[in-house]
Amino acid sequence: MTKKRNRTRPALSLQERLNKFTQEARAAAKNLPAGAERHALLQKVRDGEAAAEMERLLSSPDTQISK
């Protein structure tokens, strides 16, 4: 028997989800003492911000390929 695909769309856009993740991760890192766990969380924040910036640049009308 095959499993049905989940065809629901996320409630928030990718940009909104990335921004929410970075805000929550930054707030969580603020409560941690300096150390490896905080450093790893801040690295995830930087990765999330970079992903949000790439998504913003790629979805802008200036970068659309005209046919």
N, C-alpha and C. Protein backbone atom coordinates (compact mmCIF):
# COMPACT_ATOMS: atom_id res chain seq x y z
N MET A 1 0.84 -1.17 0.00
CA MET A 1 0.00 0.00 0.00
C MET A 1 0.89 1.24 0.00
N THR A 2 0.57 2.20 -0.85
CA THR A 2 1.38 3.41 -0.92
C THR A 2 0.83 4.47 0.02
N LYS A 3 1.73 5.24 0.54
CA LYS A 3 1.37 6.29 1.47
C LYS A 3 0.99 7.54 0.68
N LYS A 4 -0.07 8.23 1.08
CA LYS A 4 -0.49 9.45 0.41
C LYS A 4 0.46 10.58 0.75
N ARG A 5 0.72 11.42 -0.24
CA ARG A 5 1.57 12.58 -0.05
C ARG A 5 0.85 13.67 0.71
N ASN A 6 1.59 14.35 1.56
CA ASN A 6 1.04 15.50 2.27
C ASN A 6 1.04 16.68 1.31
N ARG A 7 -0.12 17.11 0.89
CA ARG A 7 -0.22 18.17 -0.10
C ARG A 7 -0.66 19.51 0.49
N THR A 8 -0.51 19.69 1.76
CA THR A 8 -0.88 20.97 2.37
C THR A 8 0.26 21.96 2.21
N ARG A 9 -0.11 23.20 2.10
CA ARG A 9 0.89 24.25 1.97
C ARG A 9 1.17 24.86 3.34
N PRO A 10 2.39 25.30 3.57
CA PRO A 10 2.69 25.95 4.86
C PRO A 10 1.87 27.23 5.01
N ALA A 11 1.50 27.54 6.22
CA ALA A 11 0.70 28.74 6.49
C ALA A 11 1.51 30.01 6.22
N LEU A 12 2.79 29.96 6.48
CA LEU A 12 3.66 31.13 6.29
C LEU A 12 4.55 30.93 5.07
N SER A 13 4.98 32.04 4.48
CA SER A 13 5.90 31.94 3.34
C SER A 13 7.28 31.52 3.84
N LEU A 14 8.14 31.14 2.93
CA LEU A 14 9.50 30.74 3.30
C LEU A 14 10.22 31.88 4.00
N GLN A 15 10.08 33.08 3.48
CA GLN A 15 10.72 34.25 4.08
C GLN A 15 10.25 34.45 5.51
N GLU A 16 8.95 34.32 5.75
CA GLU A 16 8.40 34.50 7.09
C GLU A 16 8.87 33.40 8.02
N ARG A 17 8.93 32.16 7.53
CA ARG A 17 9.39 31.06 8.37
C ARG A 17 10.86 31.21 8.73
N LEU A 18 11.69 31.66 7.78
CA LEU A 18 13.11 31.87 8.07
C LEU A 18 13.30 33.00 9.09
N ASN A 19 12.54 34.08 8.92
CA ASN A 19 12.64 35.19 9.88
C ASN A 19 12.20 34.77 11.27
N LYS A 20 11.13 34.00 11.35
CA LYS A 20 10.65 33.52 12.65
C LYS A 20 11.69 32.62 13.30
N PHE A 21 12.29 31.72 12.53
CA PHE A 21 13.32 30.83 13.06
C PHE A 21 14.50 31.62 13.61
N THR A 22 14.98 32.60 12.84
CA THR A 22 16.15 33.36 13.29
C THR A 22 15.85 34.16 14.55
N GLN A 23 14.65 34.74 14.64
CA GLN A 23 14.29 35.50 15.84
C GLN A 23 14.22 34.59 17.06
N GLU A 24 13.61 33.42 16.91
CA GLU A 24 13.49 32.50 18.04
C GLU A 24 14.85 31.93 18.45
N ALA A 25 15.68 31.62 17.47
CA ALA A 25 17.01 31.06 17.78
C ALA A 25 17.88 32.11 18.44
N ARG A 26 17.80 33.35 17.97
CA ARG A 26 18.59 34.43 18.58
C ARG A 26 18.15 34.66 20.03
N ALA A 27 16.85 34.61 20.29
CA ALA A 27 16.34 34.78 21.66
C ALA A 27 16.79 33.62 22.55
N ALA A 28 16.79 32.41 22.01
CA ALA A 28 17.24 31.25 22.79
C ALA A 28 18.74 31.35 23.08
N ALA A 29 19.52 31.82 22.11
CA ALA A 29 20.97 31.94 22.30
C ALA A 29 21.29 33.01 23.34
N LYS A 30 20.45 34.03 23.42
CA LYS A 30 20.68 35.11 24.39
C LYS A 30 20.60 34.58 25.82
N ASN A 31 19.80 33.53 26.03
CA ASN A 31 19.62 32.97 27.37
C ASN A 31 20.67 31.93 27.74
N LEU A 32 21.51 31.54 26.78
CA LEU A 32 22.52 30.52 27.05
C LEU A 32 23.84 31.17 27.47
N PRO A 33 24.60 30.49 28.32
CA PRO A 33 25.94 31.00 28.63
C PRO A 33 26.87 30.77 27.44
N ALA A 34 27.96 31.52 27.41
CA ALA A 34 28.92 31.37 26.32
C ALA A 34 29.44 29.93 26.31
N GLY A 35 29.53 29.37 25.12
CA GLY A 35 29.98 27.99 25.00
C GLY A 35 29.63 27.41 23.65
N ALA A 36 29.85 26.13 23.51
CA ALA A 36 29.67 25.46 22.23
C ALA A 36 28.20 25.46 21.78
N GLU A 37 27.28 25.25 22.72
CA GLU A 37 25.87 25.20 22.36
C GLU A 37 25.38 26.56 21.84
N ARG A 38 25.79 27.62 22.52
CA ARG A 38 25.42 28.97 22.07
C ARG A 38 26.04 29.29 20.73
N HIS A 39 27.29 28.92 20.56
CA HIS A 39 27.99 29.16 19.29
C HIS A 39 27.28 28.43 18.15
N ALA A 40 26.87 27.19 18.36
CA ALA A 40 26.18 26.42 17.33
C ALA A 40 24.83 27.06 17.00
N LEU A 41 24.14 27.56 17.99
CA LEU A 41 22.85 28.20 17.75
C LEU A 41 23.02 29.51 16.98
N LEU A 42 24.03 30.27 17.33
CA LEU A 42 24.29 31.51 16.60
C LEU A 42 24.73 31.23 15.16
N GLN A 43 25.41 30.12 14.93
CA GLN A 43 25.77 29.73 13.56
C GLN A 43 24.51 29.41 12.76
N LYS A 44 23.54 28.76 13.39
CA LYS A 44 22.26 28.47 12.73
C LYS A 44 21.52 29.76 12.40
N VAL A 45 21.62 30.75 13.29
CA VAL A 45 21.00 32.05 13.04
C VAL A 45 21.63 32.69 11.79
N ARG A 46 22.96 32.66 11.71
CA ARG A 46 23.64 33.23 10.55
C ARG A 46 23.26 32.49 9.27
N ASP A 47 23.16 31.15 9.36
CA ASP A 47 22.74 30.36 8.20
C ASP A 47 21.32 30.71 7.78
N GLY A 48 20.44 30.88 8.75
CA GLY A 48 19.06 31.24 8.45
C GLY A 48 18.95 32.62 7.81
N GLU A 49 19.75 33.55 8.30
CA GLU A 49 19.75 34.90 7.72
C GLU A 49 20.30 34.87 6.30
N ALA A 50 21.32 34.07 6.05
CA ALA A 50 21.87 33.94 4.70
C ALA A 50 20.84 33.30 3.77
N ALA A 51 20.14 32.30 4.23
CA ALA A 51 19.11 31.65 3.42
C ALA A 51 17.98 32.62 3.11
N ALA A 52 17.58 33.43 4.08
CA ALA A 52 16.53 34.42 3.86
C ALA A 52 16.97 35.45 2.83
N GLU A 53 18.21 35.88 2.90
CA GLU A 53 18.74 36.84 1.94
C GLU A 53 18.79 36.24 0.53
N MET A 54 19.25 35.00 0.42
CA MET A 54 19.28 34.34 -0.89
C MET A 54 17.89 34.19 -1.47
N GLU A 55 16.93 33.80 -0.62
CA GLU A 55 15.55 33.63 -1.10
C GLU A 55 14.99 34.97 -1.55
N ARG A 56 15.29 36.03 -0.82
CA ARG A 56 14.81 37.36 -1.18
C ARG A 56 15.39 37.80 -2.52
N LEU A 57 16.68 37.57 -2.71
CA LEU A 57 17.32 37.96 -3.96
C LEU A 57 16.79 37.14 -5.14
N LEU A 58 16.62 35.85 -4.94
CA LEU A 58 16.17 34.99 -6.03
C LEU A 58 14.71 35.22 -6.39
N SER A 59 13.91 35.67 -5.44
CA SER A 59 12.49 35.87 -5.73
C SER A 59 12.18 37.30 -6.16
N SER A 60 13.17 38.18 -6.20
CA SER A 60 12.91 39.56 -6.61
C SER A 60 12.65 39.61 -8.11
N PRO A 61 11.86 40.57 -8.55
CA PRO A 61 11.52 40.67 -9.98
C PRO A 61 12.74 40.96 -10.86
N ASP A 62 13.77 41.57 -10.30
CA ASP A 62 14.97 41.90 -11.08
C ASP A 62 15.74 40.67 -11.53
N THR A 63 15.61 39.56 -10.81
CA THR A 63 16.38 38.38 -11.15
C THR A 63 15.58 37.35 -11.96
N GLN A 64 14.35 37.69 -12.34
CA GLN A 64 13.54 36.77 -13.13
C GLN A 64 14.09 36.68 -14.53
N ILE A 65 14.12 35.48 -15.07
CA ILE A 65 14.62 35.25 -16.42
C ILE A 65 13.48 35.49 -17.40
N SER A 66 13.73 36.34 -18.37
CA SER A 66 12.68 36.59 -19.37
C SER A 66 12.91 35.68 -20.55
N LYS A 67 11.80 35.19 -21.08
CA LYS A 67 11.88 34.26 -22.21
C LYS A 67 11.48 34.95 -23.49
